[in-house]
Amino acid sequence: MHTGTLPAAWAEVGGFPSLSVLWLVNVLVTGTLPSVWGSKTAFPALVELQLNYTRLSGSLPTDWGNLGGFQGLQTLQIVSCNITGDISVCTVVLVLSNN
């Protein structure tokens, strides 16, 4: 089981160039979402991101919608976390519940 915060280093160029689905579900991660994850070079193939039943908090980084990242993102699911703020990155399906 992973505990701790989400590593900003996961977004480094060449880090996960083919990752298409990232589910962080029912893990004990804490802290905020790294704004660098929204950069154009981070997760270029990502189509689905689920952040469910975690201990994440804070707002959805505005950089996620401003840095040109997540261009192929089709599903952003955030369930039972303490994430707040405006959503401007999801293109197709957005599920927010118990937040």
Protein backbone atom coordinates (compact mmCIF):
# COMPACT_ATOMS: atom_id res chain seq x y z
CA MET A 1 0.00 0.00 0.00
CA HIS A 2 1.33 3.43 -0.92
CA THR A 3 1.26 6.14 1.69
CA GLY A 4 2.56 9.67 1.50
CA THR A 5 2.12 12.35 -1.13
CA LEU A 6 1.84 12.19 -4.90
CA PRO A 7 5.29 12.57 -6.46
CA ALA A 8 5.73 15.54 -8.76
CA ALA A 9 8.58 13.54 -10.34
CA TRP A 10 6.03 11.23 -11.98
CA ALA A 11 5.37 14.09 -14.42
CA GLU A 12 8.98 14.39 -15.60
CA VAL A 13 9.58 14.13 -19.33
CA GLY A 14 9.90 10.48 -20.26
CA GLY A 15 8.46 9.33 -16.94
CA PHE A 16 5.33 7.55 -18.13
CA PRO A 17 5.00 8.22 -21.88
CA SER A 18 2.58 5.35 -22.54
CA LEU A 19 0.50 5.42 -19.36
CA SER A 20 -3.14 5.64 -20.43
CA VAL A 21 -4.99 4.85 -17.18
CA LEU A 22 -4.01 5.91 -13.67
CA TRP A 23 -6.19 4.78 -10.80
CA LEU A 24 -5.29 5.96 -7.33
CA VAL A 25 -8.18 4.30 -5.55
CA ASN A 26 -8.42 3.54 -1.86
CA VAL A 27 -4.80 4.43 -1.13
CA LEU A 28 -3.51 6.48 1.77
CA VAL A 29 -2.02 9.34 -0.25
CA THR A 30 -2.28 12.75 1.35
CA GLY A 31 -1.57 16.33 0.44
CA THR A 32 -2.43 18.24 -2.69
CA LEU A 33 -2.37 17.40 -6.37
CA PRO A 34 0.95 18.35 -8.01
CA SER A 35 0.36 21.20 -10.44
CA VAL A 36 3.21 19.94 -12.65
CA TRP A 37 1.07 16.91 -13.49
CA GLY A 38 -0.88 19.26 -15.78
CA SER A 39 2.14 20.15 -17.92
CA LYS A 40 2.01 19.31 -21.61
CA THR A 41 4.78 16.71 -21.34
CA ALA A 42 3.37 14.91 -18.28
CA PHE A 43 1.31 11.79 -18.98
CA PRO A 44 0.88 12.48 -22.72
CA ALA A 45 -1.18 9.30 -23.32
CA LEU A 46 -3.42 9.56 -20.23
CA VAL A 47 -7.13 9.08 -21.01
CA GLU A 48 -8.45 8.16 -17.54
CA LEU A 49 -7.50 9.48 -14.11
CA GLN A 50 -9.27 8.25 -10.98
CA LEU A 51 -8.54 9.73 -7.56
CA ASN A 52 -11.06 7.92 -5.39
CA TYR A 53 -11.22 7.32 -1.65
CA THR A 54 -7.91 9.00 -0.89
CA ARG A 55 -6.89 11.58 1.66
CA LEU A 56 -6.05 14.18 -0.96
CA SER A 57 -7.14 17.72 -0.21
CA GLY A 58 -6.92 21.23 -1.53
CA SER A 59 -8.01 22.51 -4.89
CA LEU A 60 -7.65 21.10 -8.34
CA PRO A 61 -4.59 22.96 -9.66
CA THR A 62 -5.46 25.67 -12.16
CA ASP A 63 -2.34 24.64 -14.06
CA TRP A 64 -4.11 21.40 -14.94
CA GLY A 65 -6.25 23.43 -17.30
CA ASN A 66 -3.71 26.08 -18.28
CA LEU A 67 -0.48 24.25 -19.14
CA GLY A 68 -1.81 22.29 -22.11
CA GLY A 69 -1.68 18.92 -20.40
CA PHE A 70 -4.26 16.17 -20.28
CA GLN A 71 -5.16 16.76 -23.92
CA GLY A 72 -6.41 13.20 -24.34
CA LEU A 73 -8.11 12.96 -20.94
CA GLN A 74 -11.60 11.52 -21.31
CA THR A 75 -12.43 10.62 -17.71
CA LEU A 76 -11.54 12.39 -14.49
CA GLN A 77 -13.10 10.74 -11.46
CA ILE A 78 -12.77 12.18 -7.97
CA VAL A 79 -14.84 10.39 -5.32
CA SER A 80 -14.69 10.80 -1.53
CA CYS A 81 -11.71 13.13 -1.37
CA ASN A 82 -11.40 16.69 -0.09
CA ILE A 83 -10.67 18.23 -3.49
CA THR A 84 -12.30 21.59 -4.19
CA GLY A 85 -12.32 24.26 -6.88
CA ASP A 86 -13.24 24.71 -10.51
CA ILE A 87 -12.93 21.90 -13.01
CA SER A 88 -11.55 22.93 -16.38
CA VAL A 89 -9.56 19.90 -17.53
CA CYS A 90 -12.11 17.20 -18.20
CA THR A 91 -13.31 16.77 -21.74
CA VAL A 92 -15.84 13.93 -21.65
CA VAL A 93 -16.82 12.36 -18.33
CA LEU A 94 -16.54 13.89 -14.89
CA VAL A 95 -17.66 12.14 -11.73
CA LEU A 96 -17.52 14.06 -8.47
CA SER A 97 -19.21 12.67 -5.39
CA ASN A 98 -18.84 12.88 -1.62
CA ASN A 99 -16.35 15.77 -1.90
